[in-house]
């Protein structure tokens, strides 16, 4: 049984094809990792900003009321604060 033995042109084609495939896979991996890290950092920054704004708003409300009783049985208050933050941004 005879096996196909590629000539110099076939070997060069296979080498270039393999290099392109390896390069494509590594570029895809690098771009995906970079995007994931950047997106996660973006989400974290947004959450930190919202938490800071919420903390400031709650401290103002605490200063006005003198206690946390204004939050008791008032679940919507925090959601209303968060909605105002989203509208302001």
PDB file of N, CA and C in Angstrom:
ATOM      1  N   UNK A   1       0.837  -1.162   0.000  1.00  0.00           N
ATOM      2  CA  UNK A   1       0.000   0.000   0.000  1.00  0.00           C
ATOM      3  C   UNK A   1       0.889   1.235   0.000  1.00  0.00           C
ATOM      4  N   UNK A   2       0.551   2.146  -0.889  1.00  0.00           N
ATOM      5  CA  UNK A   2       1.340   3.378  -0.990  1.00  0.00           C
ATOM      6  C   UNK A   2       0.635   4.503  -0.250  1.00  0.00           C
ATOM      7  N   UNK A   3       1.422   5.237   0.508  1.00  0.00           N
ATOM      8  CA  UNK A   3       0.901   6.420   1.188  1.00  0.00           C
ATOM      9  C   UNK A   3       1.233   7.649   0.381  1.00  0.00           C
ATOM     10  N   UNK A   4       0.342   8.643   0.503  1.00  0.00           N
ATOM     11  CA  UNK A   4       0.576   9.895  -0.206  1.00  0.00           C
ATOM     12  C   UNK A   4       1.672  10.638   0.509  1.00  0.00           C
ATOM     13  N   UNK A   5       2.681  11.015  -0.206  1.00  0.00           N
ATOM     14  CA  UNK A   5       3.792  11.780   0.350  1.00  0.00           C
ATOM     15  C   UNK A   5       3.773  13.144  -0.312  1.00  0.00           C
ATOM     16  N   UNK A   6       3.417  14.167   0.474  1.00  0.00           N
ATOM     17  CA  UNK A   6       3.333  15.498  -0.123  1.00  0.00           C
ATOM     18  C   UNK A   6       4.709  16.010  -0.510  1.00  0.00           C
ATOM     19  N   UNK A   7       4.723  16.778  -1.583  1.00  0.00           N
ATOM     20  CA  UNK A   7       5.960  17.410  -2.007  1.00  0.00           C
ATOM     21  C   UNK A   7       6.205  18.659  -1.169  1.00  0.00           C
ATOM     22  N   UNK A   8       7.154  19.459  -1.599  1.00  0.00           N
ATOM     23  CA  UNK A   8       7.505  20.671  -0.870  1.00  0.00           C
ATOM     24  C   UNK A   8       6.331  21.646  -0.829  1.00  0.00           C
ATOM     25  N   UNK A   9       5.558  21.726  -1.918  1.00  0.00           N
ATOM     26  CA  UNK A   9       4.408  22.631  -1.956  1.00  0.00           C
ATOM     27  C   UNK A   9       3.338  22.175  -0.966  1.00  0.00           C
ATOM     28  N   UNK A  10       3.065  20.905  -0.916  1.00  0.00           N
ATOM     29  CA  UNK A  10       2.082  20.364   0.023  1.00  0.00           C
ATOM     30  C   UNK A  10       2.511  20.554   1.467  1.00  0.00           C
ATOM     31  N   UNK A  11       3.792  20.314   1.740  1.00  0.00           N
ATOM     32  CA  UNK A  11       4.305  20.503   3.097  1.00  0.00           C
ATOM     33  C   UNK A  11       4.219  21.971   3.516  1.00  0.00           C
ATOM     34  N   UNK A  12       4.555  22.857   2.590  1.00  0.00           N
ATOM     35  CA  UNK A  12       4.481  24.286   2.885  1.00  0.00           C
ATOM     36  C   UNK A  12       3.031  24.702   3.138  1.00  0.00           C
ATOM     37  N   UNK A  13       2.106  24.188   2.340  1.00  0.00           N
ATOM     38  CA  UNK A  13       0.693  24.497   2.536  1.00  0.00           C
ATOM     39  C   UNK A  13       0.209  24.011   3.898  1.00  0.00           C
ATOM     40  N   UNK A  14       0.554  22.790   4.263  1.00  0.00           N
ATOM     41  CA  UNK A  14       0.147  22.235   5.560  1.00  0.00           C
ATOM     42  C   UNK A  14       0.753  23.043   6.709  1.00  0.00           C
ATOM     43  N   UNK A  15       2.004  23.454   6.584  1.00  0.00           N
ATOM     44  CA  UNK A  15       2.655  24.242   7.633  1.00  0.00           C
ATOM     45  C   UNK A  15       1.979  25.604   7.801  1.00  0.00           C
ATOM     46  N   UNK A  16       1.675  26.259   6.685  1.00  0.00           N
ATOM     47  CA  UNK A  16       1.014  27.571   6.757  1.00  0.00           C
ATOM     48  C   UNK A  16      -0.406  27.416   7.303  1.00  0.00           C
ATOM     49  N   UNK A  17      -1.122  26.385   6.873  1.00  0.00           N
ATOM     50  CA  UNK A  17      -2.474  26.143   7.366  1.00  0.00           C
ATOM     51  C   UNK A  17      -2.465  25.876   8.873  1.00  0.00           C
ATOM     52  N   UNK A  18      -1.555  25.045   9.328  1.00  0.00           N
ATOM     53  CA  UNK A  18      -1.467  24.745  10.761  1.00  0.00           C
ATOM     54  C   UNK A  18      -1.125  26.002  11.561  1.00  0.00           C
ATOM     55  N   UNK A  19      -0.214  26.824  11.037  1.00  0.00           N
ATOM     56  CA  UNK A  19       0.148  28.071  11.713  1.00  0.00           C
ATOM     57  C   UNK A  19      -1.050  29.007  11.798  1.00  0.00           C
ATOM     58  N   UNK A  20      -1.805  29.109  10.723  1.00  0.00           N
ATOM     59  CA  UNK A  20      -3.000  29.969  10.724  1.00  0.00           C
ATOM     60  C   UNK A  20      -4.039  29.477  11.722  1.00  0.00           C
ATOM     61  N   UNK A  21      -4.238  28.186  11.800  1.00  0.00           N
ATOM     62  CA  UNK A  21      -5.215  27.635  12.739  1.00  0.00           C
ATOM     63  C   UNK A  21      -4.785  27.897  14.179  1.00  0.00           C
ATOM     64  N   UNK A  22      -3.519  27.658  14.485  1.00  0.00           N
ATOM     65  CA  UNK A  22      -3.017  27.919  15.841  1.00  0.00           C
ATOM     66  C   UNK A  22      -3.133  29.398  16.180  1.00  0.00           C
ATOM     67  N   UNK A  23      -2.789  30.260  15.245  1.00  0.00           N
ATOM     68  CA  UNK A  23      -2.882  31.702  15.460  1.00  0.00           C
ATOM     69  C   UNK A  23      -4.333  32.132  15.664  1.00  0.00           C
ATOM     70  N   UNK A  24      -5.236  31.597  14.881  1.00  0.00           N
ATOM     71  CA  UNK A  24      -6.650  31.923  15.011  1.00  0.00           C
ATOM     72  C   UNK A  24      -7.198  31.498  16.373  1.00  0.00           C
ATOM     73  N   UNK A  25      -6.859  30.305  16.801  1.00  0.00           N
ATOM     74  CA  UNK A  25      -7.336  29.812  18.099  1.00  0.00           C
ATOM     75  C   UNK A  25      -6.768  30.649  19.238  1.00  0.00           C
ATOM     76  N   UNK A  26      -5.484  30.965  19.197  1.00  0.00           N
ATOM     77  CA  UNK A  26      -4.896  31.758  20.284  1.00  0.00           C
ATOM     78  C   UNK A  26      -5.419  33.193  20.288  1.00  0.00           C
ATOM     79  N   UNK A  27      -5.670  33.785  19.135  1.00  0.00           N
ATOM     80  CA  UNK A  27      -6.243  35.133  19.094  1.00  0.00           C
ATOM     81  C   UNK A  27      -7.670  35.124  19.646  1.00  0.00           C
ATOM     82  N   UNK A  28      -8.447  34.120  19.280  1.00  0.00           N
ATOM     83  CA  UNK A  28      -9.807  34.003  19.801  1.00  0.00           C
ATOM     84  C   UNK A  28      -9.787  33.885  21.320  1.00  0.00           C
ATOM     85  N   UNK A  29      -8.918  33.068  21.854  1.00  0.00           N
ATOM     86  CA  UNK A  29      -8.803  32.874  23.294  1.00  0.00           C
ATOM     87  C   UNK A  29      -8.402  34.176  23.983  1.00  0.00           C
ATOM     88  N   UNK A  30      -7.419  34.884  23.437  1.00  0.00           N
ATOM     89  CA  UNK A  30      -6.948  36.130  24.049  1.00  0.00           C
ATOM     90  C   UNK A  30      -8.027  37.211  24.029  1.00  0.00           C
ATOM     91  N   UNK A  31      -8.736  37.340  22.930  1.00  0.00           N
ATOM     92  CA  UNK A  31      -9.796  38.352  22.834  1.00  0.00           C
ATOM     93  C   UNK A  31     -10.931  38.023  23.795  1.00  0.00           C
ATOM     94  N   UNK A  32     -11.297  36.766  23.884  1.00  0.00           N
ATOM     95  CA  UNK A  32     -12.376  36.365  24.791  1.00  0.00           C
ATOM     96  C   UNK A  32     -12.018  36.644  26.247  1.00  0.00           C
ATOM     97  N   UNK A  33     -10.800  36.287  26.656  1.00  0.00           N
ATOM     98  CA  UNK A  33     -10.357  36.532  28.032  1.00  0.00           C
ATOM     99  C   UNK A  33     -10.323  38.026  28.311  1.00  0.00           C
ATOM    100  N   UNK A  34      -9.800  38.799  27.384  1.00  0.00           N
ATOM    101  CA  UNK A  34      -9.721  40.248  27.564  1.00  0.00           C
ATOM    102  C   UNK A  34     -11.111  40.863  27.686  1.00  0.00           C
ATOM    103  N   UNK A  35     -12.027  40.445  26.849  1.00  0.00           N
ATOM    104  CA  UNK A  35     -13.394  40.963  26.906  1.00  0.00           C
ATOM    105  C   UNK A  35     -14.057  40.605  28.226  1.00  0.00           C
ATOM    106  N   UNK A  36     -13.906  39.353  28.662  1.00  0.00           N
ATOM    107  CA  UNK A  36     -14.530  38.926  29.913  1.00  0.00           C
ATOM    108  C   UNK A  36     -14.005  39.740  31.091  1.00  0.00           C
ATOM    109  N   UNK A  37     -12.704  39.936  31.149  1.00  0.00           N
ATOM    110  CA  UNK A  37     -12.129  40.715  32.255  1.00  0.00           C
ATOM    111  C   UNK A  37     -12.616  42.155  32.217  1.00  0.00           C
ATOM    112  N   UNK A  38     -12.605  42.757  31.052  1.00  0.00           N
ATOM    113  CA  UNK A  38     -13.060  44.137  30.932  1.00  0.00           C
ATOM    114  C   UNK A  38     -14.526  44.289  31.274  1.00  0.00           C
ATOM    115  N   UNK A  39     -15.343  43.348  30.847  1.00  0.00           N
ATOM    116  CA  UNK A  39     -16.772  43.419  31.119  1.00  0.00           C
ATOM    117  C   UNK A  39     -17.056  43.228  32.601  1.00  0.00           C
ATOM    118  N   UNK A  40     -16.355  42.295  33.220  1.00  0.00           N
ATOM    119  CA  UNK A  40     -16.540  42.066  34.653  1.00  0.00           C
ATOM    120  C   UNK A  40     -16.119  43.297  35.441  1.00  0.00           C
ATOM    121  N   UNK A  41     -15.008  43.936  35.055  1.00  0.00           N
ATOM    122  CA  UNK A  41     -14.582  45.165  35.727  1.00  0.00           C
ATOM    123  C   UNK A  41     -15.617  46.266  35.550  1.00  0.00           C
ATOM    124  N   UNK A  42     -16.194  46.366  34.374  1.00  0.00           N
ATOM    125  CA  UNK A  42     -17.236  47.363  34.109  1.00  0.00           C
ATOM    126  C   UNK A  42     -18.447  47.128  35.015  1.00  0.00           C
ATOM    127  N   UNK A  43     -18.871  45.894  35.142  1.00  0.00           N
ATOM    128  CA  UNK A  43     -20.007  45.558  36.003  1.00  0.00           C
ATOM    129  C   UNK A  43     -19.680  45.881  37.461  1.00  0.00           C
ATOM    130  N   UNK A  44     -18.469  45.534  37.896  1.00  0.00           N
ATOM    131  CA  UNK A  44     -18.079  45.812  39.283  1.00  0.00           C
ATOM    132  C   UNK A  44     -18.076  47.310  39.568  1.00  0.00           C
ATOM    133  N   UNK A  45     -17.547  48.104  38.631  1.00  0.00           N
ATOM    134  CA  UNK A  45     -17.523  49.559  38.835  1.00  0.00           C
ATOM    135  C   UNK A  45     -18.935  50.120  38.949  1.00  0.00           C
ATOM    136  N   UNK A  46     -19.838  49.638  38.110  1.00  0.00           N
ATOM    137  CA  UNK A  46     -21.224  50.097  38.175  1.00  0.00           C
ATOM    138  C   UNK A  46     -21.878  49.738  39.496  1.00  0.00           C
ATOM    139  N   UNK A  47     -21.632  48.517  39.972  1.00  0.00           N
ATOM    140  CA  UNK A  47     -22.196  48.095  41.253  1.00  0.00           C
ATOM    141  C   UNK A  47     -21.622  48.907  42.406  1.00  0.00           C
ATOM    142  N   UNK A  48     -20.316  49.161  42.374  1.00  0.00           N
ATOM    143  CA  UNK A  48     -19.698  49.958  43.430  1.00  0.00           C
ATOM    144  C   UNK A  48     -20.262  51.372  43.450  1.00  0.00           C
ATOM    145  N   UNK A  49     -20.476  51.938  42.278  1.00  0.00           N
ATOM    146  CA  UNK A  49     -21.031  53.286  42.196  1.00  0.00           C
ATOM    147  C   UNK A  49     -22.455  53.316  42.756  1.00  0.00           C
ATOM    148  N   UNK A  50     -23.263  52.319  42.391  1.00  0.00           N
ATOM    149  CA  UNK A  50     -24.632  52.264  42.905  1.00  0.00           C
ATOM    150  C   UNK A  50     -24.655  52.076  44.420  1.00  0.00           C
ATOM    151  N   UNK A  51     -23.759  51.226  44.941  1.00  0.00           N
ATOM    152  CA  UNK A  51     -23.711  51.013  46.386  1.00  0.00           C
ATOM    153  C   UNK A  51     -23.293  52.277  47.123  1.00  0.00           C
ATOM    154  N   UNK A  52     -22.355  53.018  46.562  1.00  0.00           N
ATOM    155  CA  UNK A  52     -21.937  54.278  47.175  1.00  0.00           C
ATOM    156  C   UNK A  52     -23.095  55.263  47.207  1.00  0.00           C
ATOM    157  N   UNK A  53     -23.795  55.378  46.091  1.00  0.00           N
ATOM    158  CA  UNK A  53     -24.936  56.295  46.032  1.00  0.00           C
ATOM    159  C   UNK A  53     -26.040  55.855  46.993  1.00  0.00           C
ATOM    160  N   UNK A  54     -26.280  54.551  47.087  1.00  0.00           N
ATOM    161  CA  UNK A  54     -27.294  54.039  48.001  1.00  0.00           C
ATOM    162  C   UNK A  54     -26.900  54.311  49.449  1.00  0.00           C
ATOM    163  N   UNK A  55     -25.627  54.106  49.763  1.00  0.00           N
ATOM    164  CA  UNK A  55     -25.154  54.388  51.119  1.00  0.00           C
ATOM    165  C   UNK A  55     -25.316  55.852  51.488  1.00  0.00           C
ATOM    166  N   UNK A  56     -24.983  56.732  50.548  1.00  0.00           N
ATOM    167  CA  UNK A  56     -25.147  58.169  50.801  1.00  0.00           C
ATOM    168  C   UNK A  56     -26.618  58.528  51.018  1.00  0.00           C
ATOM    169  N   UNK A  57     -27.487  57.987  50.172  1.00  0.00           N
ATOM    170  CA  UNK A  57     -28.917  58.289  50.297  1.00  0.00           C
ATOM    171  C   UNK A  57     -29.484  57.744  51.604  1.00  0.00           C
ATOM    172  N   UNK A  58     -29.068  56.529  51.981  1.00  0.00           N
ATOM    173  CA  UNK A  58     -29.562  55.961  53.236  1.00  0.00           C
ATOM    174  C   UNK A  58     -29.041  56.734  54.442  1.00  0.00           C
ATOM    175  N   UNK A  59     -27.801  57.202  54.377  1.00  0.00           N
ATOM    176  CA  UNK A  59     -27.281  57.990  55.503  1.00  0.00           C
ATOM    177  C   UNK A  59     -28.025  59.319  55.627  1.00  0.00           C
ATOM    178  N   UNK A  60     -28.395  59.917  54.501  1.00  0.00           N
ATOM    179  CA  UNK A  60     -29.205  61.143  54.551  1.00  0.00           C
ATOM    180  C   UNK A  60     -30.567  60.870  55.179  1.00  0.00           C
ATOM    181  N   UNK A  61     -31.188  59.760  54.789  1.00  0.00           N
ATOM    182  CA  UNK A  61     -32.491  59.410  55.358  1.00  0.00           C
ATOM    183  C   UNK A  61     -32.380  59.106  56.850  1.00  0.00           C
ATOM    184  N   UNK A  62     -31.297  58.444  57.233  1.00  0.00           N
ATOM    185  CA  UNK A  62     -31.088  58.151  58.654  1.00  0.00           C
ATOM    186  C   UNK A  62     -30.912  59.444  59.442  1.00  0.00           C
ATOM    187  N   UNK A  63     -30.184  60.400  58.861  1.00  0.00           N
ATOM    188  CA  UNK A  63     -29.996  61.689  59.537  1.00  0.00           C
ATOM    189  C   UNK A  63     -31.330  62.422  59.684  1.00  0.00           C
ATOM    190  N   UNK A  64     -32.201  62.308  58.700  1.00  0.00           N
ATOM    191  CA  UNK A  64     -33.511  62.969  58.777  1.00  0.00           C
ATOM    192  C   UNK A  64     -34.429  62.312  59.803  1.00  0.00           C
ATOM    193  N   UNK A  65     -34.441  60.970  59.811  1.00  0.00           N
ATOM    194  CA  UNK A  65     -35.378  60.252  60.672  1.00  0.00           C
ATOM    195  C   UNK A  65     -34.800  59.922  62.046  1.00  0.00           C
ATOM    196  N   UNK A  66     -33.497  59.839  62.161  1.00  0.00           N
ATOM    197  CA  UNK A  66     -32.864  59.520  63.437  1.00  0.00           C
ATOM    198  C   UNK A  66     -32.824  58.045  63.774  1.00  0.00           C
ATOM    199  N   UNK A  67     -33.391  57.199  62.945  1.00  0.00           N
ATOM    200  CA  UNK A  67     -33.345  55.750  63.165  1.00  0.00           C
ATOM    201  C   UNK A  67     -33.659  55.054  61.842  1.00  0.00           C
ATOM    202  N   UNK A  68     -33.662  53.730  61.898  1.00  0.00           N
ATOM    203  CA  UNK A  68     -33.931  52.947  60.693  1.00  0.00           C
ATOM    204  C   UNK A  68     -35.395  52.539  60.595  1.00  0.00           C
ATOM    205  N   UNK A  69     -36.245  53.066  61.424  1.00  0.00           N
ATOM    206  CA  UNK A  69     -37.655  52.646  61.400  1.00  0.00           C
ATOM    207  C   UNK A  69     -38.355  53.012  60.096  1.00  0.00           C
ATOM    208  N   UNK A  70     -37.844  53.995  59.377  1.00  0.00           N
ATOM    209  CA  UNK A  70     -38.469  54.355  58.095  1.00  0.00           C
ATOM    210  C   UNK A  70     -38.345  53.236  57.065  1.00  0.00           C
ATOM    211  N   UNK A  71     -37.422  52.312  57.298  1.00  0.00           N
ATOM    212  CA  UNK A  71     -37.269  51.172  56.382  1.00  0.00           C
ATOM    213  C   UNK A  71     -38.160  49.993  56.764  1.00  0.00           C
ATOM    214  N   UNK A  72     -38.613  49.970  57.996  1.00  0.00           N
ATOM    215  CA  UNK A  72     -39.420  48.850  58.457  1.00  0.00           C
ATOM    216  C   UNK A  72     -40.742  48.824  57.693  1.00  0.00           C
ATOM    217  N   UNK A  73     -41.078  47.673  57.160  1.00  0.00           N
ATOM    218  CA  UNK A  73     -42.305  47.471  56.365  1.00  0.00           C
ATOM    219  C   UNK A  73     -42.383  48.423  55.172  1.00  0.00           C
ATOM    220  N   UNK A  74     -41.230  48.818  54.657  1.00  0.00           N
ATOM    221  CA  UNK A  74     -41.178  49.725  53.507  1.00  0.00           C
ATOM    222  C   UNK A  74     -40.148  49.186  52.513  1.00  0.00           C
ATOM    223  N   UNK A  75     -40.453  48.024  51.951  1.00  0.00           N
ATOM    224  CA  UNK A  75     -39.512  47.371  51.038  1.00  0.00           C
ATOM    225  C   UNK A  75     -39.300  48.160  49.753  1.00  0.00           C
ATOM    226  N   UNK A  76     -40.267  48.919  49.356  1.00  0.00           N
ATOM    227  CA  UNK A  76     -40.170  49.640  48.088  1.00  0.00           C
ATOM    228  C   UNK A  76     -39.215  50.821  48.147  1.00  0.00           C
ATOM    229  N   UNK A  77     -38.899  51.292  49.329  1.00  0.00           N
ATOM    230  CA  UNK A  77     -38.086  52.497  49.456  1.00  0.00           C
ATOM    231  C   UNK A  77     -36.730  52.348  48.763  1.00  0.00           C
ATOM    232  N   UNK A  78     -36.046  51.247  49.026  1.00  0.00           N
ATOM    233  CA  UNK A  78     -34.719  51.039  48.424  1.00  0.00           C
ATOM    234  C   UNK A  78     -34.843  50.885  46.912  1.00  0.00           C
ATOM    235  N   UNK A  79     -35.870  50.189  46.450  1.00  0.00           N
ATOM    236  CA  UNK A  79     -36.060  50.041  45.007  1.00  0.00           C
ATOM    237  C   UNK A  79     -36.351  51.383  44.346  1.00  0.00           C
ATOM    238  N   UNK A  80     -37.099  52.239  45.037  1.00  0.00           N
ATOM    239  CA  UNK A  80     -37.352  53.577  44.503  1.00  0.00           C
ATOM    240  C   UNK A  80     -36.059  54.388  44.437  1.00  0.00           C
ATOM    241  N   UNK A  81     -35.214  54.246  45.461  1.00  0.00           N
ATOM    242  CA  UNK A  81     -33.917  54.931  45.431  1.00  0.00           C
ATOM    243  C   UNK A  81     -33.081  54.459  44.246  1.00  0.00           C
ATOM    244  N   UNK A  82     -33.035  53.145  44.046  1.00  0.00           N
ATOM    245  CA  UNK A  82     -32.245  52.603  42.938  1.00  0.00           C
ATOM    246  C   UNK A  82     -32.786  53.073  41.589  1.00  0.00           C
ATOM    247  N   UNK A  83     -34.094  53.168  41.457  1.00  0.00           N
ATOM    248  CA  UNK A  83     -34.672  53.650  40.199  1.00  0.00           C
ATOM    249  C   UNK A  83     -34.300  55.101  39.945  1.00  0.00           C
ATOM    250  N   UNK A  84     -34.271  55.918  40.999  1.00  0.00           N
ATOM    251  CA  UNK A  84     -33.878  57.318  40.807  1.00  0.00           C
ATOM    252  C   UNK A  84     -32.414  57.414  40.405  1.00  0.00           C
ATOM    253  N   UNK A  85     -31.573  56.523  40.911  1.00  0.00           N
ATOM    254  CA  UNK A  85     -30.159  56.523  40.507  1.00  0.00           C
ATOM    255  C   UNK A  85     -30.030  56.189  39.030  1.00  0.00           C
ATOM    256  N   UNK A  86     -30.814  55.214  38.566  1.00  0.00           N
ATOM    257  CA  UNK A  86     -30.757  54.826  37.157  1.00  0.00           C
ATOM    258  C   UNK A  86     -31.253  55.950  36.259  1.00  0.00           C
ATOM    259  N   UNK A  87     -32.276  56.670  36.694  1.00  0.00           N
ATOM    260  CA  UNK A  87     -32.776  57.787  35.897  1.00  0.00           C
ATOM    261  C   UNK A  87     -31.767  58.929  35.865  1.00  0.00           C
ATOM    262  N   UNK A  88     -31.081  59.155  36.983  1.00  0.00           N
ATOM    263  CA  UNK A  88     -30.096  60.241  37.043  1.00  0.00           C
ATOM    264  C   UNK A  88     -28.882  59.961  36.174  1.00  0.00           C
ATOM    265  N   UNK A  89     -28.527  58.691  36.043  1.00  0.00           N
ATOM    266  CA  UNK A  89     -27.362  58.330  35.228  1.00  0.00           C
ATOM    267  C   UNK A  89     -27.823  58.161  33.825  1.00  0.00           C
TER     268      UNK A  89
END
